[in-house]
Amino acid sequence: MHSVSNILSRIQRIFPFLEEELGPLTDSQRKLVRVLEIVCVERFISGVPYNMAGRPVADRRALARAFIAKAVLNLPDTRTLIDTIKGSSNLRRICGWERSGAVPHEATFSRAFDEFAGTGLAQRLHEALIEAYRKPVLVGHISRDSTAIEARERPVRKEKPPEKPIQKKGRPRKGEKRPPKELTRLERQASGMTLEQMLSELPRYCDSGAKQNSKGNLDYWIGYKLHVDWSDGEIPVSCLLSSASMHDSQAALPLMEITRTRVDSLYQLMDAAYDAPVIEQAVRKHGQVPIIERNARRKNETDPMDAAKSTRYKERSTAERGNSLLKDCFGGRYVRVRGAKKVMSHLMFGIVALTATQLMRMLL
């Protein structure tokens, strides 16, 4: 695969011919062309399948480009996307439809999106981008954080767990055997679980969550929580979706394992929600330096962060800026689908567009 600089130089040479064919392009259309050229959806989707009988199947490549356009243009829903494509001949032909009547109906878009969510198309596109453009580069900082994802669906009612026997305190009496203390999810993850086992244990149903904002107040929402590892330059490296109520620390080890296979980094920056000895030991085990804000409950147990680490910890604002970019500019606030699989696919199309945009931004 060519480097981003080679792709951008080729795009700049193509623009005059493209505008001669299509007409003048707007800034957003130029941005979309650059993103599509870097992402190269065609490598992951074959052409239109041939059917001996029945109605021809809509071109999935054009539909995939349209969903990327939806993220780049920050459109709220599929209906708006279809109207925008039909109303712009340039956008329509960039996606792959020559005539306005060739643009499929909303139901076809919905079926195609369901297929893309089932096959994890957006996740594979993002992984390929990181593999091609970030893995060859040594990453200075990985900033780990989560962000609230509001969904338009009813929260799942949690069943009450069976009552556990009351654990007696103090030393056991002579001859008394007490059951061993049950391990927490974080402790089970650190005990030698594989990545697949860790991921299978994470809850992914819709429920209610609460997160402390910058002013120290709790914000409540219904939906999910997106956990992201951000590299320098607001480039997302790995992502996980969980229930809104899951604690951030429970996604740290799975994210760490995914990120470790994709890029080489020096520092891992995390806020107080990840302040646990298990997480710190896991970071050091892989030869990286953990810089974690101390939680109030452990400030008396551990040494305070020194001046050098405090200065480097400021780089963690990358995660906050990245989450804001995803929500404000790439469709993160417009979740109109239901179910964890479709919600993740919608967010990942935005992540793909954001990644390609930030890669270009580093060179322009």
Protein backbone atom coordinates (compact mmCIF):
# COMPACT_ATOMS: atom_id res chain seq x y z
CA MET A 1 0.00 0.00 0.00
CA HIS A 2 1.22 3.48 -0.86
CA SER A 3 2.06 6.03 1.83
CA VAL A 4 -0.43 8.77 2.68
CA SER A 5 1.81 11.43 1.09
CA ASN A 6 1.90 9.51 -2.22
CA ILE A 7 -1.89 9.08 -2.15
CA LEU A 8 -2.43 12.79 -1.43
CA SER A 9 -0.10 13.85 -4.23
CA ARG A 10 -1.95 11.54 -6.62
CA ILE A 11 -5.30 12.99 -5.49
CA GLN A 12 -4.05 16.53 -6.11
CA ARG A 13 -3.16 15.51 -9.68
CA ILE A 14 -6.57 13.85 -10.12
CA PHE A 15 -8.66 16.82 -8.93
CA PRO A 16 -8.33 18.87 -12.17
CA PHE A 17 -9.52 15.92 -14.26
CA LEU A 18 -12.24 15.10 -11.73
CA GLU A 19 -13.58 18.67 -11.78
CA GLU A 20 -13.47 18.69 -15.56
CA GLU A 21 -15.69 15.61 -15.53
CA LEU A 22 -17.98 16.46 -12.60
CA GLY A 23 -17.76 20.22 -12.25
CA PRO A 24 -16.43 22.32 -9.36
CA LEU A 25 -16.13 20.39 -6.08
CA THR A 26 -16.98 21.84 -2.70
CA ASP A 27 -14.56 21.58 0.23
CA SER A 28 -16.59 18.77 1.80
CA GLN A 29 -16.63 16.85 -1.49
CA ARG A 30 -12.86 17.23 -1.83
CA LYS A 31 -12.50 15.94 1.72
CA LEU A 32 -14.71 12.94 0.89
CA VAL A 33 -12.65 12.11 -2.21
CA ARG A 34 -9.46 12.12 -0.13
CA VAL A 35 -11.01 9.90 2.55
CA LEU A 36 -12.36 7.39 0.01
CA GLU A 37 -9.00 7.24 -1.75
CA ILE A 38 -7.17 6.47 1.50
CA VAL A 39 -9.77 4.00 2.81
CA CYS A 40 -10.16 2.17 -0.52
CA VAL A 41 -13.40 0.33 0.23
CA GLU A 42 -13.13 -1.65 -3.01
CA ARG A 43 -10.40 -3.86 -1.50
CA PHE A 44 -12.90 -5.30 0.99
CA ILE A 45 -16.07 -5.59 -1.10
CA SER A 46 -16.46 -7.50 -4.35
CA GLY A 47 -18.52 -6.25 -7.28
CA VAL A 48 -22.22 -6.78 -7.88
CA PRO A 49 -22.99 -10.53 -7.65
CA TYR A 50 -24.55 -12.06 -10.72
CA ASN A 51 -27.98 -13.63 -10.25
CA MET A 52 -29.54 -15.90 -12.84
CA ALA A 53 -33.03 -14.74 -11.82
CA GLY A 54 -34.65 -12.14 -9.65
CA ARG A 55 -33.98 -8.50 -9.03
CA PRO A 56 -30.33 -7.36 -9.39
CA VAL A 57 -28.52 -6.79 -6.09
CA ALA A 58 -27.54 -3.19 -5.37
CA ASP A 59 -23.82 -2.42 -5.62
CA ARG A 60 -22.45 -2.80 -2.08
CA ARG A 61 -19.35 -0.79 -2.95
CA ALA A 62 -21.43 2.29 -3.73
CA LEU A 63 -23.47 1.77 -0.57
CA ALA A 64 -20.33 1.47 1.56
CA ARG A 65 -18.95 4.68 0.05
CA ALA A 66 -22.29 6.33 0.84
CA PHE A 67 -22.07 5.35 4.52
CA ILE A 68 -18.55 6.79 4.67
CA ALA A 69 -19.94 9.96 3.04
CA LYS A 70 -22.63 10.04 5.75
CA ALA A 71 -19.89 10.11 8.41
CA VAL A 72 -17.69 12.65 6.59
CA LEU A 73 -20.62 15.01 6.01
CA ASN A 74 -21.95 14.39 9.56
CA LEU A 75 -25.48 13.62 8.35
CA PRO A 76 -28.04 12.65 11.02
CA ASP A 77 -29.82 9.73 9.33
CA THR A 78 -30.11 7.62 6.19
CA ARG A 79 -33.07 9.56 4.83
CA THR A 80 -31.02 12.77 4.88
CA LEU A 81 -28.13 10.90 3.26
CA ILE A 82 -30.33 9.74 0.36
CA ASP A 83 -31.79 13.21 -0.17
CA THR A 84 -28.30 14.76 -0.11
CA ILE A 85 -26.97 12.24 -2.65
CA LYS A 86 -29.94 12.73 -4.97
CA GLY A 87 -29.64 16.51 -4.69
CA SER A 88 -25.94 16.61 -5.65
CA SER A 89 -24.78 15.09 -8.94
CA ASN A 90 -21.15 15.36 -7.82
CA LEU A 91 -21.77 13.48 -4.57
CA ARG A 92 -23.88 10.90 -6.34
CA ARG A 93 -21.18 10.12 -8.91
CA ILE A 94 -18.43 10.11 -6.27
CA CYS A 95 -20.38 7.39 -4.44
CA GLY A 96 -20.87 5.44 -7.67
CA TRP A 97 -24.35 6.20 -9.10
CA GLU A 98 -24.68 7.88 -12.48
CA ARG A 99 -28.40 8.65 -12.33
CA SER A 100 -30.58 9.93 -9.53
CA GLY A 101 -32.99 7.05 -10.13
CA ALA A 102 -30.18 4.55 -9.56
CA VAL A 103 -29.85 5.53 -5.89
CA PRO A 104 -31.47 2.69 -3.88
CA HIS A 105 -34.39 3.10 -1.52
CA GLU A 106 -33.99 3.47 2.21
CA ALA A 107 -34.84 -0.20 2.79
CA THR A 108 -31.91 -1.25 0.59
CA PHE A 109 -29.58 0.99 2.58
CA SER A 110 -30.90 -0.62 5.77
CA ARG A 111 -30.30 -4.17 4.49
CA ALA A 112 -26.81 -3.28 3.30
CA PHE A 113 -25.96 -1.69 6.63
CA ASP A 114 -27.14 -4.84 8.40
CA GLU A 115 -24.77 -6.86 6.19
CA PHE A 116 -21.87 -4.49 6.87
CA ALA A 117 -22.53 -4.70 10.62
CA GLY A 118 -22.65 -8.49 10.49
CA THR A 119 -19.35 -8.78 8.63
CA GLY A 120 -17.62 -6.02 10.62
CA LEU A 121 -16.74 -4.08 7.46
CA ALA A 122 -16.04 -0.77 9.21
CA GLN A 123 -13.88 -2.51 11.83
CA ARG A 124 -11.83 -4.19 9.09
CA LEU A 125 -11.41 -0.89 7.22
CA HIS A 126 -10.13 0.80 10.37
CA GLU A 127 -7.77 -2.05 11.23
CA ALA A 128 -6.31 -1.91 7.71
CA LEU A 129 -5.71 1.85 8.02
CA ILE A 130 -3.84 1.43 11.31
CA GLU A 131 -1.89 -1.54 9.94
CA ALA A 132 -0.77 0.42 6.88
CA TYR A 133 -0.12 3.90 8.25
CA ARG A 134 0.50 3.67 12.03
CA LYS A 135 2.16 0.32 12.67
CA PRO A 136 5.40 1.30 10.88
CA VAL A 137 5.64 4.39 13.15
CA LEU A 138 6.65 4.39 16.81
CA VAL A 139 3.76 5.94 18.77
CA GLY A 140 4.71 8.13 21.70
CA HIS A 141 1.50 8.10 23.74
CA ILE A 142 -1.62 5.95 23.91
CA SER A 143 -4.42 7.86 25.66
CA ARG A 144 -7.21 5.59 26.91
CA ASP A 145 -10.70 6.88 27.65
CA SER A 146 -14.39 6.15 27.17
CA THR A 147 -17.28 8.29 26.00
CA ALA A 148 -21.05 8.04 26.49
CA ILE A 149 -23.10 6.90 23.48
CA GLU A 150 -26.79 7.73 23.73
CA ALA A 151 -29.11 5.28 21.97
CA ARG A 152 -32.78 5.33 21.02
CA GLU A 153 -33.77 2.03 22.58
CA ARG A 154 -35.11 0.78 25.84
CA PRO A 155 -32.57 -0.28 28.44
CA VAL A 156 -32.41 -3.97 29.25
CA ARG A 157 -33.78 -4.82 32.66
CA LYS A 158 -31.13 -6.57 34.67
CA GLU A 159 -32.18 -9.69 36.49
CA LYS A 160 -31.37 -9.72 40.17
CA PRO A 161 -28.40 -11.99 40.80
CA PRO A 162 -28.95 -14.87 43.18
CA GLU A 163 -28.32 -13.97 46.76
CA LYS A 164 -24.84 -14.94 47.88
CA PRO A 165 -24.17 -16.27 51.35
CA ILE A 166 -22.97 -13.61 53.73
CA GLN A 167 -19.19 -13.76 54.00
CA LYS A 168 -18.19 -13.91 57.64
CA LYS A 169 -15.53 -11.51 58.77
CA GLY A 170 -12.58 -12.27 60.96
CA ARG A 171 -10.57 -15.44 61.30
CA PRO A 172 -12.39 -18.75 60.65
CA ARG A 173 -13.17 -20.98 63.59
CA LYS A 174 -11.45 -24.29 64.02
CA GLY A 175 -12.64 -26.74 61.38
CA GLU A 176 -14.66 -24.08 59.53
CA LYS A 177 -14.11 -23.88 55.75
CA ARG A 178 -15.15 -20.74 53.97
CA PRO A 179 -15.69 -20.54 50.19
CA PRO A 180 -12.94 -18.70 48.31
CA LYS A 181 -13.62 -15.10 47.42
CA GLU A 182 -14.98 -14.70 43.89
CA LEU A 183 -12.61 -12.96 41.49
CA THR A 184 -13.67 -9.69 39.90
CA ARG A 185 -13.80 -9.37 36.11
CA LEU A 186 -10.56 -7.39 36.10
CA GLU A 187 -8.83 -10.06 38.19
CA ARG A 188 -10.11 -12.82 35.88
CA GLN A 189 -8.78 -10.92 32.87
CA ALA A 190 -5.34 -10.64 34.47
CA SER A 191 -5.29 -14.31 35.44
CA GLY A 192 -4.41 -15.45 31.93
CA MET A 193 -7.56 -15.07 29.84
CA THR A 194 -7.20 -14.80 26.07
CA LEU A 195 -8.43 -11.74 24.19
CA GLU A 196 -11.45 -13.68 22.88
CA GLN A 197 -12.39 -14.74 26.40
CA MET A 198 -12.05 -11.19 27.72
CA LEU A 199 -14.22 -9.81 24.94
CA SER A 200 -16.87 -12.49 25.40
CA GLU A 201 -17.32 -11.48 29.06
CA LEU A 202 -17.91 -7.78 28.39
CA PRO A 203 -21.61 -6.77 28.57
CA ARG A 204 -22.93 -5.19 25.37
CA TYR A 205 -26.63 -4.63 26.05
CA CYS A 206 -28.25 -1.21 26.28
CA ASP A 207 -28.61 0.11 29.80
CA SER A 208 -28.20 3.30 31.83
CA GLY A 209 -24.87 4.76 32.83
CA ALA A 210 -23.36 7.67 34.72
CA LYS A 211 -20.06 9.46 34.14
CA GLN A 212 -18.45 12.34 35.97
CA ASN A 213 -17.97 15.41 33.79
CA SER A 214 -15.23 18.02 33.93
CA LYS A 215 -17.14 19.98 36.58
CA GLY A 216 -17.36 17.01 38.91
CA ASN A 217 -21.08 16.39 38.32
CA LEU A 218 -22.61 13.11 37.14
CA ASP A 219 -24.11 12.93 33.65
CA TYR A 220 -26.67 10.17 33.11
CA TRP A 221 -27.62 8.57 29.80
CA ILE A 222 -29.23 5.48 28.28
CA GLY A 223 -27.26 3.55 25.71
CA TYR A 224 -23.68 2.34 25.49
CA LYS A 225 -20.11 3.33 26.18
CA LEU A 226 -17.35 3.49 23.55
CA HIS A 227 -13.83 2.75 24.80
CA VAL A 228 -11.02 4.05 22.57
CA ASP A 229 -7.23 4.02 22.59
CA TRP A 230 -6.06 7.25 20.94
CA SER A 231 -2.57 7.79 19.58
CA ASP A 232 -0.90 11.17 19.08
CA GLY A 233 -2.73 13.36 16.58
CA GLU A 234 -6.23 12.19 17.61
CA ILE A 235 -5.88 8.95 15.64
CA PRO A 236 -7.92 6.07 17.13
CA VAL A 237 -6.02 2.78 17.29
CA SER A 238 -8.55 0.38 18.82
CA CYS A 239 -12.18 0.58 19.94
CA LEU A 240 -14.59 -1.45 22.06
CA LEU A 241 -18.30 -1.03 22.74
CA SER A 242 -19.83 -1.99 26.08
CA SER A 243 -22.92 -1.39 28.15
CA ALA A 244 -23.18 2.08 29.61
CA SER A 245 -22.96 0.77 33.18
CA MET A 246 -19.66 -1.10 32.75
CA HIS A 247 -16.70 0.45 34.57
CA ASP A 248 -13.95 1.85 32.35
CA SER A 249 -11.24 -0.26 33.98
CA GLN A 250 -12.81 -3.50 32.71
CA ALA A 251 -12.06 -2.52 29.11
CA ALA A 252 -8.42 -1.60 29.80
CA LEU A 253 -6.80 -5.02 29.39
CA PRO A 254 -8.72 -6.03 26.20
CA LEU A 255 -7.96 -2.64 24.64
CA MET A 256 -4.34 -2.92 25.68
CA GLU A 257 -4.05 -6.33 24.02
CA ILE A 258 -5.61 -5.12 20.74
CA THR A 259 -3.50 -1.97 20.66
CA ARG A 260 -0.32 -3.93 21.38
CA THR A 261 -0.81 -6.02 18.24
CA ARG A 262 -1.41 -2.94 16.07
CA VAL A 263 1.20 -0.37 17.12
CA ASP A 264 4.34 -0.01 19.21
CA SER A 265 4.05 2.71 21.86
CA LEU A 266 6.09 4.11 24.74
CA TYR A 267 3.58 5.54 27.24
CA GLN A 268 0.01 4.71 28.22
CA LEU A 269 -1.98 7.57 29.73
CA MET A 270 -5.15 6.93 31.75
CA ASP A 271 -7.33 8.84 34.19
CA ALA A 272 -8.22 7.84 37.75
CA ALA A 273 -10.85 5.32 36.62
CA TYR A 274 -8.01 3.00 35.51
CA ASP A 275 -5.99 3.32 38.71
CA ALA A 276 -5.53 -0.34 39.63
CA PRO A 277 -2.34 -2.30 40.33
CA VAL A 278 -3.43 -5.00 37.84
CA ILE A 279 -3.59 -2.50 34.96
CA GLU A 280 -0.30 -0.87 35.89
CA GLN A 281 1.45 -4.23 36.04
CA ALA A 282 0.03 -5.25 32.66
CA VAL A 283 1.41 -2.08 31.03
CA ARG A 284 4.86 -2.63 32.50
CA LYS A 285 4.78 -6.29 31.45
CA HIS A 286 4.71 -5.17 27.80
CA GLY A 287 7.65 -2.81 28.28
CA GLN A 288 5.68 0.43 28.38
CA VAL A 289 5.42 3.18 30.97
CA PRO A 290 2.03 3.65 32.67
CA ILE A 291 1.06 7.20 33.65
CA ILE A 292 -2.20 6.93 35.57
CA GLU A 293 -3.91 9.63 37.59
CA ARG A 294 -4.24 8.50 41.18
CA ASN A 295 -7.70 7.69 42.44
CA ALA A 296 -8.74 9.37 45.70
CA ARG A 297 -9.09 6.00 47.40
CA ARG A 298 -5.43 5.13 46.70
CA LYS A 299 -3.66 8.46 47.15
CA ASN A 300 -2.38 7.44 50.56
CA GLU A 301 -1.13 4.09 49.26
CA THR A 302 0.95 5.27 46.31
CA ASP A 303 3.48 7.96 45.55
CA PRO A 304 2.20 11.13 43.86
CA MET A 305 2.94 11.73 40.18
CA ASP A 306 6.27 13.51 39.72
CA ALA A 307 6.73 16.69 37.66
CA ALA A 308 7.92 14.89 34.51
CA LYS A 309 4.97 12.51 34.47
CA SER A 310 2.55 15.34 35.26
CA THR A 311 3.78 17.24 32.21
CA ARG A 312 3.53 14.17 29.99
CA TYR A 313 0.07 13.33 31.39
CA LYS A 314 -1.27 16.52 29.78
CA GLU A 315 -1.01 14.71 26.44
CA ARG A 316 -4.06 12.72 27.54
CA SER A 317 -6.21 15.60 26.28
CA THR A 318 -5.80 13.82 22.93
CA ALA A 319 -8.53 11.41 24.04
CA GLU A 320 -10.90 14.22 24.99
CA ARG A 321 -10.36 16.02 21.68
CA GLY A 322 -10.77 12.76 19.77
CA ASN A 323 -14.06 11.92 21.46
CA SER A 324 -15.34 15.43 20.75
CA LEU A 325 -14.32 15.15 17.08
CA LEU A 326 -16.14 11.84 16.71
CA LYS A 327 -19.34 13.22 18.22
CA ASP A 328 -19.33 16.72 16.72
CA CYS A 329 -17.99 16.06 13.20
CA PHE A 330 -18.33 12.34 12.34
CA GLY A 331 -21.81 11.22 13.39
CA GLY A 332 -21.12 10.11 16.95
CA ARG A 333 -24.17 11.99 18.26
CA TYR A 334 -26.57 10.61 15.63
CA VAL A 335 -27.10 6.99 16.66
CA ARG A 336 -30.37 5.98 15.01
CA VAL A 337 -29.83 2.20 14.92
CA ARG A 338 -30.53 -0.38 17.62
CA GLY A 339 -28.47 -3.21 18.99
CA ALA A 340 -24.80 -3.29 19.93
CA LYS A 341 -23.64 -4.70 16.59
CA LYS A 342 -25.30 -1.97 14.51
CA VAL A 343 -24.38 0.80 16.97
CA MET A 344 -20.74 -0.30 16.79
CA SER A 345 -20.84 -0.38 12.97
CA HIS A 346 -22.30 3.14 12.85
CA LEU A 347 -19.64 4.48 15.19
CA MET A 348 -16.84 2.66 13.35
CA PHE A 349 -17.77 4.27 10.03
CA GLY A 350 -17.23 7.56 11.84
CA ILE A 351 -13.95 6.26 13.29
CA VAL A 352 -12.79 5.28 9.78
CA ALA A 353 -13.59 8.74 8.41
CA LEU A 354 -11.95 10.42 11.41
CA THR A 355 -8.80 8.27 11.08
CA ALA A 356 -8.38 9.02 7.38
CA THR A 357 -9.01 12.74 7.98
CA GLN A 358 -6.44 12.97 10.77
CA LEU A 359 -3.87 11.07 8.70
CA MET A 360 -4.30 13.64 5.94
CA ARG A 361 -4.23 16.51 8.42
CA MET A 362 -0.79 15.45 9.64
CA LEU A 363 0.63 15.98 6.13
CA LEU A 364 -1.38 18.90 4.74
